[in-house]
Amino acid sequence: MTKIFRKREWEKEADSINPSHYKTDIEFIDYCKASMSSERFKGFLEGNMKKYMHRWKNKNGVEDLRKLKWYLNRLLLEEEND
């Protein structure tokens, strides 16, 4: 099973990206990683990047770009650690 880590430097983005209602005993992103293969988890990250890239102009503007950046940074971390 995948080892689950707690707070990382790249996770210290604005509260709107990782609001308190997402923080439980295990964060959802860690649950996803632990329950998926590496390939599927990277696809999950890529899908979220595409979602925020697609909608940023018409929905939440800079906030969606920050979310896109968060998922990109997480994907980069996963690639670097593979």
PDB file of N, CA and C in Angstrom:
ATOM      1  N   MET A   1       0.844  -1.176   0.000  1.00  0.00           N
ATOM      2  CA  MET A   1       0.000   0.000   0.000  1.00  0.00           C
ATOM      3  C   MET A   1       0.889   1.240   0.000  1.00  0.00           C
ATOM      4  N   THR A   2       0.424   2.288  -0.591  1.00  0.00           N
ATOM      5  CA  THR A   2       1.148   3.544  -0.684  1.00  0.00           C
ATOM      6  C   THR A   2       1.266   4.194   0.679  1.00  0.00           C
ATOM      7  N   LYS A   3       2.465   4.677   0.995  1.00  0.00           N
ATOM      8  CA  LYS A   3       2.663   5.416   2.239  1.00  0.00           C
ATOM      9  C   LYS A   3       1.994   6.776   2.125  1.00  0.00           C
ATOM     10  N   ILE A   4       1.285   7.169   3.149  1.00  0.00           N
ATOM     11  CA  ILE A   4       0.555   8.435   3.140  1.00  0.00           C
ATOM     12  C   ILE A   4       1.337   9.451   3.968  1.00  0.00           C
ATOM     13  N   PHE A   5       1.629  10.581   3.360  1.00  0.00           N
ATOM     14  CA  PHE A   5       2.375  11.639   4.018  1.00  0.00           C
ATOM     15  C   PHE A   5       1.421  12.750   4.428  1.00  0.00           C
ATOM     16  N   ARG A   6       1.803  13.487   5.416  1.00  0.00           N
ATOM     17  CA  ARG A   6       1.019  14.644   5.834  1.00  0.00           C
ATOM     18  C   ARG A   6       1.546  15.880   5.120  1.00  0.00           C
ATOM     19  N   LYS A   7       1.301  17.030   5.609  1.00  0.00           N
ATOM     20  CA  LYS A   7       1.562  18.304   4.941  1.00  0.00           C
ATOM     21  C   LYS A   7       2.914  18.361   4.232  1.00  0.00           C
ATOM     22  N   ARG A   8       2.895  18.854   3.009  1.00  0.00           N
ATOM     23  CA  ARG A   8       4.084  19.074   2.203  1.00  0.00           C
ATOM     24  C   ARG A   8       4.150  20.551   1.867  1.00  0.00           C
ATOM     25  N   GLU A   9       5.316  21.009   1.495  1.00  0.00           N
ATOM     26  CA  GLU A   9       5.490  22.430   1.183  1.00  0.00           C
ATOM     27  C   GLU A   9       4.531  22.882   0.092  1.00  0.00           C
ATOM     28  N   TRP A  10       4.342  22.080  -0.962  1.00  0.00           N
ATOM     29  CA  TRP A  10       3.491  22.504  -2.077  1.00  0.00           C
ATOM     30  C   TRP A  10       2.017  22.516  -1.712  1.00  0.00           C
ATOM     31  N   GLU A  11       1.664  21.927  -0.557  1.00  0.00           N
ATOM     32  CA  GLU A  11       0.268  21.914  -0.149  1.00  0.00           C
ATOM     33  C   GLU A  11      -0.142  23.193   0.567  1.00  0.00           C
ATOM     34  N   LYS A  12       0.787  24.082   0.797  1.00  0.00           N
ATOM     35  CA  LYS A  12       0.497  25.296   1.548  1.00  0.00           C
ATOM     36  C   LYS A  12      -0.034  26.403   0.651  1.00  0.00           C
ATOM     37  N   GLU A  13      -0.920  26.055  -0.249  1.00  0.00           N
ATOM     38  CA  GLU A  13      -1.571  27.021  -1.131  1.00  0.00           C
ATOM     39  C   GLU A  13      -2.737  27.670  -0.384  1.00  0.00           C
ATOM     40  N   ALA A  14      -3.428  28.542  -1.052  1.00  0.00           N
ATOM     41  CA  ALA A  14      -4.551  29.257  -0.449  1.00  0.00           C
ATOM     42  C   ALA A  14      -5.633  28.297   0.038  1.00  0.00           C
ATOM     43  N   ASP A  15      -6.350  28.704   1.083  1.00  0.00           N
ATOM     44  CA  ASP A  15      -7.409  27.863   1.645  1.00  0.00           C
ATOM     45  C   ASP A  15      -8.479  27.497   0.626  1.00  0.00           C
ATOM     46  N   SER A  16      -8.667  28.326  -0.389  1.00  0.00           N
ATOM     47  CA  SER A  16      -9.698  28.028  -1.384  1.00  0.00           C
ATOM     48  C   SER A  16      -9.351  26.799  -2.215  1.00  0.00           C
ATOM     49  N   ILE A  17      -8.094  26.436  -2.252  1.00  0.00           N
ATOM     50  CA  ILE A  17      -7.667  25.265  -3.014  1.00  0.00           C
ATOM     51  C   ILE A  17      -7.830  23.998  -2.182  1.00  0.00           C
ATOM     52  N   ASN A  18      -7.622  24.094  -0.908  1.00  0.00           N
ATOM     53  CA  ASN A  18      -7.711  22.931  -0.026  1.00  0.00           C
ATOM     54  C   ASN A  18      -8.486  23.342   1.239  1.00  0.00           C
ATOM     55  N   PRO A  19      -9.780  23.651   1.094  1.00  0.00           N
ATOM     56  CA  PRO A  19     -10.551  24.159   2.229  1.00  0.00           C
ATOM     57  C   PRO A  19     -10.693  23.145   3.356  1.00  0.00           C
ATOM     58  N   SER A  20     -11.046  23.637   4.526  1.00  0.00           N
ATOM     59  CA  SER A  20     -11.102  22.805   5.728  1.00  0.00           C
ATOM     60  C   SER A  20     -12.079  21.634   5.600  1.00  0.00           C
ATOM     61  N   HIS A  21     -13.143  21.756   4.800  1.00  0.00           N
ATOM     62  CA  HIS A  21     -14.083  20.636   4.699  1.00  0.00           C
ATOM     63  C   HIS A  21     -13.499  19.441   3.937  1.00  0.00           C
ATOM     64  N   TYR A  22     -12.316  19.592   3.329  1.00  0.00           N
ATOM     65  CA  TYR A  22     -11.627  18.472   2.697  1.00  0.00           C
ATOM     66  C   TYR A  22     -10.649  17.796   3.650  1.00  0.00           C
ATOM     67  N   LYS A  23     -10.439  18.357   4.809  1.00  0.00           N
ATOM     68  CA  LYS A  23      -9.435  17.849   5.751  1.00  0.00           C
ATOM     69  C   LYS A  23     -10.111  16.998   6.813  1.00  0.00           C
ATOM     70  N   THR A  24      -9.869  15.703   6.742  1.00  0.00           N
ATOM     71  CA  THR A  24     -10.390  14.768   7.726  1.00  0.00           C
ATOM     72  C   THR A  24      -9.196  13.976   8.243  1.00  0.00           C
ATOM     73  N   ASP A  25      -9.426  12.796   8.781  1.00  0.00           N
ATOM     74  CA  ASP A  25      -8.311  11.971   9.252  1.00  0.00           C
ATOM     75  C   ASP A  25      -7.321  11.685   8.135  1.00  0.00           C
ATOM     76  N   ILE A  26      -7.835  11.532   6.929  1.00  0.00           N
ATOM     77  CA  ILE A  26      -6.992  11.351   5.750  1.00  0.00           C
ATOM     78  C   ILE A  26      -7.544  12.281   4.671  1.00  0.00           C
ATOM     79  N   GLU A  27      -6.672  13.033   4.061  1.00  0.00           N
ATOM     80  CA  GLU A  27      -7.129  13.935   3.011  1.00  0.00           C
ATOM     81  C   GLU A  27      -7.528  13.125   1.781  1.00  0.00           C
ATOM     82  N   PHE A  28      -8.511  13.620   1.066  1.00  0.00           N
ATOM     83  CA  PHE A  28      -9.049  12.892  -0.076  1.00  0.00           C
ATOM     84  C   PHE A  28      -7.974  12.578  -1.110  1.00  0.00           C
ATOM     85  N   ILE A  29      -7.067  13.516  -1.367  1.00  0.00           N
ATOM     86  CA  ILE A  29      -6.016  13.283  -2.360  1.00  0.00           C
ATOM     87  C   ILE A  29      -5.135  12.096  -1.946  1.00  0.00           C
ATOM     88  N   ASP A  30      -4.867  11.966  -0.646  1.00  0.00           N
ATOM     89  CA  ASP A  30      -4.072  10.834  -0.150  1.00  0.00           C
ATOM     90  C   ASP A  30      -4.848   9.532  -0.255  1.00  0.00           C
ATOM     91  N   TYR A  31      -6.150   9.603   0.005  1.00  0.00           N
ATOM     92  CA  TYR A  31      -7.005   8.424  -0.160  1.00  0.00           C
ATOM     93  C   TYR A  31      -6.991   7.961  -1.621  1.00  0.00           C
ATOM     94  N   CYS A  32      -7.117   8.927  -2.540  1.00  0.00           N
ATOM     95  CA  CYS A  32      -7.097   8.578  -3.964  1.00  0.00           C
ATOM     96  C   CYS A  32      -5.789   7.893  -4.336  1.00  0.00           C
ATOM     97  N   LYS A  33      -4.685   8.472  -3.907  1.00  0.00           N
ATOM     98  CA  LYS A  33      -3.377   7.894  -4.247  1.00  0.00           C
ATOM     99  C   LYS A  33      -3.244   6.481  -3.690  1.00  0.00           C
ATOM    100  N   ALA A  34      -3.698   6.290  -2.456  1.00  0.00           N
ATOM    101  CA  ALA A  34      -3.575   4.984  -1.815  1.00  0.00           C
ATOM    102  C   ALA A  34      -4.463   3.932  -2.463  1.00  0.00           C
ATOM    103  N   SER A  35      -5.546   4.360  -3.120  1.00  0.00           N
ATOM    104  CA  SER A  35      -6.504   3.391  -3.660  1.00  0.00           C
ATOM    105  C   SER A  35      -6.382   3.194  -5.177  1.00  0.00           C
ATOM    106  N   MET A  36      -5.409   3.861  -5.805  1.00  0.00           N
ATOM    107  CA  MET A  36      -5.250   3.767  -7.260  1.00  0.00           C
ATOM    108  C   MET A  36      -3.827   3.355  -7.622  1.00  0.00           C
ATOM    109  N   SER A  37      -3.700   2.786  -8.805  1.00  0.00           N
ATOM    110  CA  SER A  37      -2.357   2.556  -9.322  1.00  0.00           C
ATOM    111  C   SER A  37      -1.730   3.918  -9.624  1.00  0.00           C
ATOM    112  N   SER A  38      -0.428   3.936  -9.769  1.00  0.00           N
ATOM    113  CA  SER A  38       0.277   5.183 -10.085  1.00  0.00           C
ATOM    114  C   SER A  38      -0.246   5.789 -11.378  1.00  0.00           C
ATOM    115  N   GLU A  39      -0.478   4.961 -12.370  1.00  0.00           N
ATOM    116  CA  GLU A  39      -0.974   5.441 -13.665  1.00  0.00           C
ATOM    117  C   GLU A  39      -2.364   6.063 -13.532  1.00  0.00           C
ATOM    118  N   ARG A  40      -3.239   5.403 -12.793  1.00  0.00           N
ATOM    119  CA  ARG A  40      -4.602   5.935 -12.614  1.00  0.00           C
ATOM    120  C   ARG A  40      -4.597   7.225 -11.804  1.00  0.00           C
ATOM    121  N   PHE A  41      -3.743   7.283 -10.776  1.00  0.00           N
ATOM    122  CA  PHE A  41      -3.673   8.486  -9.953  1.00  0.00           C
ATOM    123  C   PHE A  41      -3.177   9.672 -10.782  1.00  0.00           C
ATOM    124  N   LYS A  42      -2.189   9.447 -11.624  1.00  0.00           N
ATOM    125  CA  LYS A  42      -1.690  10.516 -12.494  1.00  0.00           C
ATOM    126  C   LYS A  42      -2.776  10.948 -13.476  1.00  0.00           C
ATOM    127  N   GLY A  43      -3.575  10.004 -13.947  1.00  0.00           N
ATOM    128  CA  GLY A  43      -4.698  10.344 -14.818  1.00  0.00           C
ATOM    129  C   GLY A  43      -5.744  11.184 -14.087  1.00  0.00           C
ATOM    130  N   PHE A  44      -5.975  10.870 -12.821  1.00  0.00           N
ATOM    131  CA  PHE A  44      -6.881  11.658 -11.985  1.00  0.00           C
ATOM    132  C   PHE A  44      -6.370  13.093 -11.870  1.00  0.00           C
ATOM    133  N   LEU A  45      -5.071  13.245 -11.622  1.00  0.00           N
ATOM    134  CA  LEU A  45      -4.476  14.579 -11.514  1.00  0.00           C
ATOM    135  C   LEU A  45      -4.588  15.328 -12.834  1.00  0.00           C
ATOM    136  N   GLU A  46      -4.294  14.636 -13.930  1.00  0.00           N
ATOM    137  CA  GLU A  46      -4.375  15.257 -15.254  1.00  0.00           C
ATOM    138  C   GLU A  46      -5.810  15.675 -15.578  1.00  0.00           C
ATOM    139  N   GLY A  47      -6.769  14.842 -15.226  1.00  0.00           N
ATOM    140  CA  GLY A  47      -8.166  15.181 -15.467  1.00  0.00           C
ATOM    141  C   GLY A  47      -8.589  16.434 -14.727  1.00  0.00           C
ATOM    142  N   ASN A  48      -8.148  16.567 -13.488  1.00  0.00           N
ATOM    143  CA  ASN A  48      -8.459  17.782 -12.726  1.00  0.00           C
ATOM    144  C   ASN A  48      -7.772  18.994 -13.329  1.00  0.00           C
ATOM    145  N   MET A  49      -6.554  18.834 -13.810  1.00  0.00           N
ATOM    146  CA  MET A  49      -5.873  19.940 -14.486  1.00  0.00           C
ATOM    147  C   MET A  49      -6.676  20.391 -15.698  1.00  0.00           C
ATOM    148  N   LYS A  50      -7.152  19.448 -16.484  1.00  0.00           N
ATOM    149  CA  LYS A  50      -7.927  19.773 -17.686  1.00  0.00           C
ATOM    150  C   LYS A  50      -9.224  20.486 -17.317  1.00  0.00           C
ATOM    151  N   LYS A  51      -9.866  20.027 -16.230  1.00  0.00           N
ATOM    152  CA  LYS A  51     -11.109  20.652 -15.784  1.00  0.00           C
ATOM    153  C   LYS A  51     -10.885  22.130 -15.473  1.00  0.00           C
ATOM    154  N   TYR A  52      -9.857  22.423 -14.697  1.00  0.00           N
ATOM    155  CA  TYR A  52      -9.619  23.816 -14.308  1.00  0.00           C
ATOM    156  C   TYR A  52      -9.114  24.657 -15.471  1.00  0.00           C
ATOM    157  N   MET A  53      -8.360  24.069 -16.373  1.00  0.00           N
ATOM    158  CA  MET A  53      -7.900  24.795 -17.557  1.00  0.00           C
ATOM    159  C   MET A  53      -9.083  25.165 -18.447  1.00  0.00           C
ATOM    160  N   HIS A  54     -10.032  24.263 -18.552  1.00  0.00           N
ATOM    161  CA  HIS A  54     -11.196  24.466 -19.408  1.00  0.00           C
ATOM    162  C   HIS A  54     -12.133  25.555 -18.887  1.00  0.00           C
ATOM    163  N   ARG A  55     -12.283  25.631 -17.573  1.00  0.00           N
ATOM    164  CA  ARG A  55     -13.333  26.493 -17.040  1.00  0.00           C
ATOM    165  C   ARG A  55     -12.871  27.817 -16.465  1.00  0.00           C
ATOM    166  N   TRP A  56     -11.565  28.051 -16.326  1.00  0.00           N
ATOM    167  CA  TRP A  56     -11.085  29.202 -15.567  1.00  0.00           C
ATOM    168  C   TRP A  56     -11.598  30.548 -16.061  1.00  0.00           C
ATOM    169  N   LYS A  57     -11.732  30.729 -17.371  1.00  0.00           N
ATOM    170  CA  LYS A  57     -12.164  32.028 -17.899  1.00  0.00           C
ATOM    171  C   LYS A  57     -13.626  32.325 -17.584  1.00  0.00           C
ATOM    172  N   ASN A  58     -14.445  31.285 -17.511  1.00  0.00           N
ATOM    173  CA  ASN A  58     -15.888  31.472 -17.360  1.00  0.00           C
ATOM    174  C   ASN A  58     -16.432  31.182 -15.966  1.00  0.00           C
ATOM    175  N   LYS A  59     -15.569  30.735 -15.058  1.00  0.00           N
ATOM    176  CA  LYS A  59     -16.113  30.388 -13.744  1.00  0.00           C
ATOM    177  C   LYS A  59     -15.388  31.135 -12.627  1.00  0.00           C
ATOM    178  N   ASN A  60     -14.210  30.666 -12.230  1.00  0.00           N
ATOM    179  CA  ASN A  60     -13.565  31.214 -11.032  1.00  0.00           C
ATOM    180  C   ASN A  60     -12.250  31.933 -11.294  1.00  0.00           C
ATOM    181  N   GLY A  61     -11.912  32.172 -12.547  1.00  0.00           N
ATOM    182  CA  GLY A  61     -10.730  32.952 -12.877  1.00  0.00           C
ATOM    183  C   GLY A  61      -9.454  32.485 -12.222  1.00  0.00           C
ATOM    184  N   VAL A  62      -8.805  33.386 -11.509  1.00  0.00           N
ATOM    185  CA  VAL A  62      -7.498  33.110 -10.911  1.00  0.00           C
ATOM    186  C   VAL A  62      -7.556  31.945  -9.926  1.00  0.00           C
ATOM    187  N   GLU A  63      -8.658  31.815  -9.198  1.00  0.00           N
ATOM    188  CA  GLU A  63      -8.786  30.694  -8.262  1.00  0.00           C
ATOM    189  C   GLU A  63      -8.655  29.359  -8.988  1.00  0.00           C
ATOM    190  N   ASP A  64      -9.291  29.214 -10.147  1.00  0.00           N
ATOM    191  CA  ASP A  64      -9.169  27.975 -10.920  1.00  0.00           C
ATOM    192  C   ASP A  64      -7.758  27.791 -11.455  1.00  0.00           C
ATOM    193  N   LEU A  65      -7.086  28.862 -11.809  1.00  0.00           N
ATOM    194  CA  LEU A  65      -5.697  28.755 -12.254  1.00  0.00           C
ATOM    195  C   LEU A  65      -4.795  28.286 -11.113  1.00  0.00           C
ATOM    196  N   ARG A  66      -5.096  28.737  -9.904  1.00  0.00           N
ATOM    197  CA  ARG A  66      -4.327  28.261  -8.742  1.00  0.00           C
ATOM    198  C   ARG A  66      -4.567  26.771  -8.506  1.00  0.00           C
ATOM    199  N   LYS A  67      -5.808  26.337  -8.690  1.00  0.00           N
ATOM    200  CA  LYS A  67      -6.108  24.917  -8.548  1.00  0.00           C
ATOM    201  C   LYS A  67      -5.398  24.113  -9.637  1.00  0.00           C
ATOM    202  N   LEU A  68      -5.396  24.626 -10.843  1.00  0.00           N
ATOM    203  CA  LEU A  68      -4.657  23.991 -11.934  1.00  0.00           C
ATOM    204  C   LEU A  68      -3.186  23.850 -11.559  1.00  0.00           C
ATOM    205  N   LYS A  69      -2.617  24.903 -11.026  1.00  0.00           N
ATOM    206  CA  LYS A  69      -1.208  24.897 -10.607  1.00  0.00           C
ATOM    207  C   LYS A  69      -0.977  23.853  -9.521  1.00  0.00           C
ATOM    208  N   TRP A  70      -1.907  23.754  -8.574  1.00  0.00           N
ATOM    209  CA  TRP A  70      -1.769  22.780  -7.489  1.00  0.00           C
ATOM    210  C   TRP A  70      -1.708  21.361  -8.037  1.00  0.00           C
ATOM    211  N   TYR A  71      -2.640  21.045  -8.955  1.00  0.00           N
ATOM    212  CA  TYR A  71      -2.652  19.699  -9.537  1.00  0.00           C
ATOM    213  C   TYR A  71      -1.427  19.456 -10.413  1.00  0.00           C
ATOM    214  N   LEU A  72      -0.959  20.466 -11.123  1.00  0.00           N
ATOM    215  CA  LEU A  72       0.269  20.333 -11.916  1.00  0.00           C
ATOM    216  C   LEU A  72       1.457  20.062 -11.005  1.00  0.00           C
ATOM    217  N   ASN A  73       1.575  20.805  -9.909  1.00  0.00           N
ATOM    218  CA  ASN A  73       2.680  20.582  -8.974  1.00  0.00           C
ATOM    219  C   ASN A  73       2.627  19.185  -8.377  1.00  0.00           C
ATOM    220  N   ARG A  74       1.421  18.720  -8.095  1.00  0.00           N
ATOM    221  CA  ARG A  74       1.287  17.364  -7.542  1.00  0.00           C
ATOM    222  C   ARG A  74       1.689  16.322  -8.576  1.00  0.00           C
ATOM    223  N   LEU A  75       1.311  16.521  -9.832  1.00  0.00           N
ATOM    224  CA  LEU A  75       1.693  15.605 -10.903  1.00  0.00           C
ATOM    225  C   LEU A  75       3.214  15.607 -11.089  1.00  0.00           C
ATOM    226  N   LEU A  76       3.810  16.775 -11.030  1.00  0.00           N
ATOM    227  CA  LEU A  76       5.279  16.868 -11.132  1.00  0.00           C
ATOM    228  C   LEU A  76       5.943  16.085  -9.989  1.00  0.00           C
ATOM    229  N   LEU A  77       5.417  16.220  -8.791  1.00  0.00           N
ATOM    230  CA  LEU A  77       5.955  15.490  -7.643  1.00  0.00           C
ATOM    231  C   LEU A  77       5.852  13.985  -7.864  1.00  0.00           C
ATOM    232  N   GLU A  78       4.709  13.544  -8.346  1.00  0.00           N
ATOM    233  CA  GLU A  78       4.525  12.111  -8.598  1.00  0.00           C
ATOM    234  C   GLU A  78       5.516  11.609  -9.655  1.00  0.00           C
ATOM    235  N   GLU A  79       5.694  12.383 -10.709  1.00  0.00           N
ATOM    236  CA  GLU A  79       6.644  11.998 -11.769  1.00  0.00           C
ATOM    237  C   GLU A  79       8.068  11.953 -11.253  1.00  0.00           C
ATOM    238  N   GLU A  80       8.440  12.929 -10.447  1.00  0.00           N
ATOM    239  CA  GLU A  80       9.800  12.974  -9.907  1.00  0.00           C
ATOM    240  C   GLU A  80      10.082  11.829  -8.955  1.00  0.00           C
ATOM    241  N   ASN A  81       9.050  11.349  -8.286  1.00  0.00           N
ATOM    242  CA  ASN A  81       9.235  10.274  -7.283  1.00  0.00           C
ATOM    243  C   ASN A  81       9.006   8.883  -7.838  1.00  0.00           C
ATOM    244  N   ASP A  82       8.666   8.770  -9.107  1.00  0.00           N
ATOM    245  CA  ASP A  82       8.485   7.439  -9.722  1.00  0.00           C
ATOM    246  C   ASP A  82       9.806   6.800 -10.070  1.00  0.00           C
TER     247      ASP A  82
END
